Amino acid sequence: MSDYKIGLALGAGAARGWTHIGVLRVLAEAGIQPDIIVGTSVGAVVGGCYVAGELDALETFARDLTRRKVLGFLDFNFSGSGLIHGQRLREALEDRLKHLTIESLARRFVAVAAEIGTGHEVWLTRGHLANAIRASYAMPGIFKPVSIEGRWLFDGALVNPIPVSVCRALGARYVIAVNVNTEGGHGTVITDLDALPVAALPPPDDHGVLARNGRAVKKLLQRQLFGRVENGPGISTIMMQAFNIVQDRIARSRLAGDPPDAMIAPPLPPTGLFDFHRAEEMIECGRTAAEHDVERIKREIIARRFHAVYARTG
């Protein structure tokens, strides 16, 4: 039965990606061990740490985050190709993943990225694990792109937000997909604005975290990135909502042509771009959603493995 491989496609979603941790915990408790794990963006972060045996460390790190600690990782860069340099996050990843390579991992892992210029979808199947993860989550305009083998790569959510197709291509017979980009609904055509309620936005950050040092530039960044401006959404909310819309449209198109065998899509609250301090809430959402589906998934895997063996042996 070893040739009946289970694939796990972990989708993109910025801070909502901590939801994947809760899902992985429930799958493990049910005895479901994916043979192939493919992640896009934050899905690559969680998936890579999971395959490397560092999920416990990642969960501890996530639950320990506060607004202040999140800000501490945001090493702003005003002269490069991204608003955030990313060196502090890189150091945090490499502290745990050290010199691990993808090909040295016990299970098959792939991080999905996009190439600048060509728009190619790039499957990172070998090389330094931490670099592959960084390339997969390098959101355009926020993080610097990552150079791997002469190619400049950034966020894979622009080409394959929920990488079911990669799992299939690598031989997965049963694919579980986790979609954490569900907060904004599925979109429709609106011909009468008065007919629909106003969409909820993440609450503004009124704690003045960046303003405490008294510097005008950081105070401006706090207002623009973490709050609202003139009673409207701030830059981070605008970027997040725009990215979500694009990601949702791409994901639905890709999944229509190559649907997963099981989809776990936790209902999530409105979440800001840098709300990584809300890990406990996101992890619990993932756990609740997975617990709802896990017994059905387990039964389907057992049944399909039985039929596969029966078909092979006659």
Protein backbone atom coordinates (compact mmCIF):
# COMPACT_ATOMS: atom_id res chain seq x y z
CA MET A 1 0.00 0.00 0.00
CA SER A 2 3.08 2.22 0.17
CA ASP A 3 2.58 3.31 -3.44
CA TYR A 4 -0.73 4.95 -2.51
CA LYS A 5 0.69 8.33 -1.58
CA ILE A 6 -1.13 11.05 0.33
CA GLY A 7 -0.44 14.67 -0.61
CA LEU A 8 -0.98 17.77 1.49
CA ALA A 9 -1.30 21.17 -0.19
CA LEU A 10 -0.88 24.05 2.27
CA GLY A 11 -2.17 27.32 0.86
CA ALA A 12 -0.97 30.90 1.10
CA GLY A 13 -2.52 33.43 3.47
CA ALA A 14 0.02 35.54 5.42
CA ALA A 15 -0.85 35.63 9.16
CA ARG A 16 -3.75 33.23 8.61
CA GLY A 17 -1.18 30.57 7.79
CA TRP A 18 -0.80 29.68 11.47
CA THR A 19 -4.10 27.87 10.86
CA HIS A 20 -2.07 25.13 9.14
CA ILE A 21 -0.49 24.20 12.48
CA GLY A 22 -3.88 23.30 13.96
CA VAL A 23 -4.76 21.25 10.88
CA LEU A 24 -1.47 19.33 10.99
CA ARG A 25 -1.96 18.54 14.66
CA VAL A 26 -5.38 17.00 14.03
CA LEU A 27 -4.18 14.98 11.03
CA ALA A 28 -1.29 13.59 13.09
CA GLU A 29 -3.61 12.67 15.96
CA ALA A 30 -5.78 10.76 13.47
CA GLY A 31 -2.76 8.86 12.17
CA ILE A 32 -2.76 10.60 8.78
CA GLN A 33 0.86 11.11 7.70
CA PRO A 34 1.17 12.78 4.27
CA ASP A 35 3.91 11.44 2.02
CA ILE A 36 4.15 14.63 -0.05
CA ILE A 37 3.87 18.12 1.43
CA VAL A 38 3.70 21.14 -0.84
CA GLY A 39 3.42 24.68 0.47
CA THR A 40 2.94 28.11 -1.00
CA SER A 41 4.01 31.24 0.88
CA VAL A 42 3.20 30.80 4.59
CA GLY A 43 2.11 27.26 3.68
CA ALA A 44 5.75 26.64 2.74
CA VAL A 45 6.87 28.01 6.12
CA VAL A 46 4.62 25.67 8.10
CA GLY A 47 5.05 22.72 5.72
CA GLY A 48 8.83 23.04 5.64
CA CYS A 49 9.09 23.19 9.41
CA TYR A 50 6.71 20.23 9.70
CA VAL A 51 8.77 18.01 7.39
CA ALA A 52 11.97 19.14 9.11
CA GLY A 53 10.59 18.03 12.49
CA GLU A 54 10.40 21.61 13.76
CA LEU A 55 6.62 22.05 14.03
CA ASP A 56 6.78 22.18 17.83
CA ALA A 57 9.39 24.92 17.69
CA LEU A 58 7.38 26.85 15.10
CA GLU A 59 4.21 26.64 17.19
CA THR A 60 6.06 27.83 20.29
CA PHE A 61 7.52 30.72 18.28
CA ALA A 62 4.11 31.64 16.85
CA ARG A 63 2.26 31.53 20.16
CA ASP A 64 4.97 33.64 21.78
CA LEU A 65 4.58 36.49 19.29
CA THR A 66 3.18 39.81 20.43
CA ARG A 67 2.57 42.98 18.45
CA ARG A 68 5.88 44.33 19.73
CA LYS A 69 7.77 41.16 18.76
CA VAL A 70 6.21 41.17 15.30
CA LEU A 71 7.40 44.73 14.84
CA GLY A 72 10.84 43.66 15.96
CA PHE A 73 11.10 41.36 12.95
CA LEU A 74 10.14 44.13 10.53
CA ASP A 75 13.53 45.56 9.59
CA PHE A 76 12.29 48.34 7.33
CA ASN A 77 14.27 48.93 4.17
CA PHE A 78 13.68 52.13 2.20
CA SER A 79 16.29 51.70 -0.52
CA GLY A 80 15.82 48.17 -1.79
CA SER A 81 13.22 46.10 -3.63
CA GLY A 82 11.04 45.43 -0.60
CA LEU A 83 9.71 47.43 2.32
CA ILE A 84 11.12 44.84 4.72
CA HIS A 85 14.68 43.59 4.36
CA GLY A 86 13.87 40.22 5.91
CA GLN A 87 17.25 39.58 7.53
CA ARG A 88 15.76 39.07 11.01
CA LEU A 89 13.23 36.55 9.71
CA ARG A 90 15.98 34.83 7.76
CA GLU A 91 18.07 34.49 10.91
CA ALA A 92 15.07 33.10 12.82
CA LEU A 93 14.49 30.45 10.13
CA GLU A 94 18.13 29.48 9.84
CA ASP A 95 18.48 29.24 13.61
CA ARG A 96 16.14 26.22 13.48
CA LEU A 97 16.65 24.87 9.96
CA LYS A 98 20.40 25.51 9.90
CA HIS A 99 21.93 23.77 6.90
CA LEU A 100 19.02 21.45 6.05
CA THR A 101 18.46 20.78 2.38
CA ILE A 102 15.15 19.79 0.84
CA GLU A 103 16.56 16.56 -0.56
CA SER A 104 17.76 15.50 2.91
CA LEU A 105 14.26 15.59 4.42
CA ALA A 106 12.53 12.37 5.44
CA ARG A 107 9.47 13.15 3.31
CA ARG A 108 8.98 14.83 -0.04
CA PHE A 109 8.65 18.62 0.27
CA VAL A 110 8.21 21.34 -2.33
CA ALA A 111 7.94 25.10 -1.92
CA VAL A 112 6.19 27.01 -4.71
CA ALA A 113 7.49 30.39 -5.88
CA ALA A 114 7.06 32.70 -8.88
CA GLU A 115 9.85 34.07 -11.05
CA ILE A 116 10.07 37.81 -11.59
CA GLY A 117 9.92 38.79 -15.24
CA THR A 118 8.76 35.52 -16.74
CA GLY A 119 5.95 34.75 -14.29
CA HIS A 120 7.01 31.11 -14.29
CA GLU A 121 5.75 28.87 -11.52
CA VAL A 122 8.88 27.46 -9.88
CA TRP A 123 8.86 24.27 -7.81
CA LEU A 124 11.73 24.33 -5.34
CA THR A 125 12.54 20.65 -4.89
CA ARG A 126 16.18 20.79 -3.81
CA GLY A 127 18.68 23.09 -2.19
CA HIS A 128 18.72 25.03 1.07
CA LEU A 129 15.35 24.62 2.81
CA ALA A 130 15.34 28.05 4.46
CA ASN A 131 16.07 29.81 1.15
CA ALA A 132 13.23 27.95 -0.58
CA ILE A 133 10.81 28.95 2.17
CA ARG A 134 11.93 32.59 2.01
CA ALA A 135 11.44 32.69 -1.75
CA SER A 136 7.96 31.22 -1.45
CA TYR A 137 6.75 33.87 1.04
CA ALA A 138 8.50 36.94 -0.45
CA MET A 139 5.36 39.05 -0.97
CA PRO A 140 6.00 41.64 -3.71
CA GLY A 141 6.68 45.09 -2.33
CA ILE A 142 6.93 43.82 1.24
CA PHE A 143 9.87 41.40 1.24
CA LYS A 144 12.93 41.41 -0.97
CA PRO A 145 12.83 38.73 -3.68
CA VAL A 146 15.23 35.83 -3.25
CA SER A 147 17.84 34.79 -5.79
CA ILE A 148 18.12 31.02 -6.29
CA GLU A 149 20.30 29.62 -9.08
CA GLY A 150 20.24 32.93 -10.93
CA ARG A 151 16.46 33.35 -10.77
CA TRP A 152 14.80 36.10 -8.74
CA LEU A 153 11.82 34.57 -7.00
CA PHE A 154 8.91 35.88 -4.97
CA ASP A 155 5.57 34.82 -3.48
CA GLY A 156 4.16 31.66 -5.05
CA ALA A 157 0.62 32.80 -4.25
CA LEU A 158 0.71 34.77 -7.48
CA VAL A 159 0.80 31.57 -9.54
CA ASN A 160 -0.45 28.64 -7.41
CA PRO A 161 -2.00 29.66 -4.07
CA ILE A 162 -3.15 26.14 -3.10
CA PRO A 163 -0.70 23.77 -4.82
CA VAL A 164 -2.86 20.70 -5.39
CA SER A 165 -1.47 20.33 -8.90
CA VAL A 166 2.07 19.93 -7.55
CA CYS A 167 0.98 17.11 -5.23
CA ARG A 168 -0.66 15.34 -8.18
CA ALA A 169 2.41 15.75 -10.38
CA LEU A 170 4.60 14.21 -7.69
CA GLY A 171 2.41 11.11 -7.51
CA ALA A 172 -0.10 11.81 -4.75
CA ARG A 173 -3.22 9.67 -5.18
CA TYR A 174 -5.21 11.41 -2.45
CA VAL A 175 -4.71 15.14 -1.91
CA ILE A 176 -5.83 17.13 1.13
CA ALA A 177 -5.86 20.89 0.52
CA VAL A 178 -5.95 23.55 3.21
CA ASN A 179 -7.39 26.88 2.10
CA VAL A 180 -6.88 29.73 4.59
CA ASN A 181 -7.97 32.46 2.18
CA THR A 182 -11.66 32.31 3.05
CA GLU A 183 -12.33 35.47 5.03
CA GLY A 184 -13.49 37.62 2.11
CA GLY A 185 -16.10 35.29 0.64
CA HIS A 186 -15.99 34.17 -2.95
CA GLY A 187 -16.83 37.37 -4.76
CA THR A 188 -19.66 38.21 -7.08
CA VAL A 189 -20.86 40.95 -9.41
CA ILE A 190 -22.52 43.83 -7.56
CA THR A 191 -24.90 46.07 -9.47
CA ASP A 192 -26.41 47.79 -6.43
CA LEU A 193 -24.10 48.81 -3.58
CA ASP A 194 -27.04 49.43 -1.27
CA ALA A 195 -28.10 45.80 -1.55
CA LEU A 196 -25.09 44.35 0.30
CA PRO A 197 -23.59 44.90 3.76
CA VAL A 198 -20.23 46.62 4.08
CA ALA A 199 -17.34 44.16 4.32
CA ALA A 200 -15.63 43.88 7.69
CA LEU A 201 -12.06 45.15 7.98
CA PRO A 202 -9.46 44.28 10.59
CA PRO A 203 -9.68 46.60 13.60
CA PRO A 204 -7.16 49.44 13.73
CA ASP A 205 -4.15 49.08 15.98
CA ASP A 206 -4.68 51.82 18.54
CA HIS A 207 -1.91 50.72 20.87
CA GLY A 208 0.70 53.06 19.42
CA VAL A 209 3.37 50.35 19.35
CA LEU A 210 5.52 52.10 16.79
CA ALA A 211 4.84 55.59 18.09
CA ARG A 212 6.40 54.97 21.49
CA ASN A 213 9.91 55.80 20.32
CA GLY A 214 8.75 59.25 19.27
CA ARG A 215 10.16 59.17 15.75
CA ALA A 216 7.87 60.65 13.14
CA VAL A 217 8.72 58.13 10.42
CA LYS A 218 7.79 55.14 12.51
CA LYS A 219 4.67 56.86 13.72
CA LEU A 220 3.65 57.34 10.11
CA LEU A 221 4.39 53.68 9.38
CA GLN A 222 2.24 52.67 12.31
CA ARG A 223 -0.70 54.62 10.99
CA GLN A 224 -0.22 53.46 7.41
CA LEU A 225 0.61 49.80 7.99
CA PHE A 226 -1.23 48.85 11.15
CA GLY A 227 -4.23 51.11 11.34
CA ARG A 228 -6.60 53.18 9.26
CA VAL A 229 -6.15 56.53 7.66
CA GLU A 230 -8.85 59.21 7.53
CA ASN A 231 -11.49 56.66 8.55
CA GLY A 232 -10.44 54.35 5.72
CA PRO A 233 -8.29 51.22 5.58
CA GLY A 234 -4.52 51.55 5.94
CA ILE A 235 -1.94 50.37 3.43
CA SER A 236 -1.56 46.91 4.94
CA THR A 237 -5.32 46.31 4.78
CA ILE A 238 -5.49 47.50 1.18
CA MET A 239 -2.55 45.30 0.17
CA MET A 240 -3.92 42.30 2.02
CA GLN A 241 -7.40 42.63 0.54
CA ALA A 242 -6.01 43.14 -2.98
CA PHE A 243 -3.72 40.13 -2.63
CA ASN A 244 -6.58 38.05 -1.24
CA ILE A 245 -8.82 38.88 -4.22
CA VAL A 246 -6.15 37.96 -6.76
CA GLN A 247 -5.21 34.84 -4.82
CA ASP A 248 -8.83 33.72 -4.50
CA ARG A 249 -9.50 34.10 -8.23
CA ILE A 250 -6.34 32.20 -9.17
CA ALA A 251 -7.02 29.46 -6.62
CA ARG A 252 -10.59 28.89 -7.80
CA SER A 253 -9.46 28.69 -11.39
CA ARG A 254 -6.67 26.23 -10.60
CA LEU A 255 -8.82 24.08 -8.31
CA ALA A 256 -11.64 23.88 -10.86
CA GLY A 257 -9.27 22.08 -13.20
CA ASP A 258 -7.56 19.99 -10.54
CA PRO A 259 -9.71 19.70 -7.40
CA PRO A 260 -8.39 18.08 -4.23
CA ASP A 261 -9.93 14.95 -2.77
CA ALA A 262 -10.55 16.80 0.49
CA MET A 263 -10.63 20.51 1.22
CA ILE A 264 -10.23 21.96 4.70
CA ALA A 265 -11.29 25.61 4.61
CA PRO A 266 -11.59 27.07 8.12
CA PRO A 267 -13.87 30.10 8.52
CA LEU A 268 -11.51 32.83 9.69
CA PRO A 269 -12.03 36.32 11.12
CA PRO A 270 -10.81 39.43 9.26
CA THR A 271 -7.04 39.44 9.60
CA GLY A 272 -4.44 42.10 8.88
CA LEU A 273 -1.23 41.64 6.92
CA PHE A 274 0.98 41.67 10.02
CA ASP A 275 -1.38 40.01 12.53
CA PHE A 276 1.05 37.18 13.23
CA HIS A 277 0.55 37.72 16.97
CA ARG A 278 -2.91 36.09 16.64
CA ALA A 279 -1.47 32.58 16.36
CA GLU A 280 -3.54 31.04 19.16
CA GLU A 281 -6.78 32.12 17.48
CA MET A 282 -5.68 30.90 14.04
CA ILE A 283 -4.36 27.56 15.29
CA GLU A 284 -7.65 26.89 17.07
CA CYS A 285 -9.60 27.70 13.88
CA GLY A 286 -7.50 25.16 12.00
CA ARG A 287 -7.96 22.53 14.67
CA THR A 288 -11.75 23.00 14.77
CA ALA A 289 -12.11 22.80 10.98
CA ALA A 290 -9.87 19.73 10.69
CA GLU A 291 -11.69 17.91 13.51
CA HIS A 292 -14.92 18.39 11.56
CA ASP A 293 -13.49 16.66 8.46
CA VAL A 294 -10.82 14.28 9.68
CA GLU A 295 -12.92 11.15 10.23
CA ARG A 296 -14.40 11.41 6.74
CA ILE A 297 -10.93 11.93 5.28
CA LYS A 298 -9.58 8.93 7.19
CA ARG A 299 -12.40 6.68 5.97
CA GLU A 300 -11.88 7.78 2.37
CA ILE A 301 -8.13 7.11 2.51
CA ILE A 302 -8.66 3.64 3.97
CA ALA A 303 -11.31 2.79 1.38
CA ARG A 304 -9.27 4.05 -1.57
CA ARG A 305 -6.13 2.27 -0.40
CA PHE A 306 -8.13 -0.96 -0.15
CA HIS A 307 -9.52 -0.55 -3.67
CA ALA A 308 -6.06 0.28 -5.01
CA VAL A 309 -4.61 -2.89 -3.52
CA TYR A 310 -7.56 -4.95 -4.74
CA ALA A 311 -7.23 -3.57 -8.27
CA ARG A 312 -3.51 -4.32 -8.31
CA THR A 313 -3.78 -7.87 -6.97
CA GLY A 314 -6.94 -8.75 -8.89
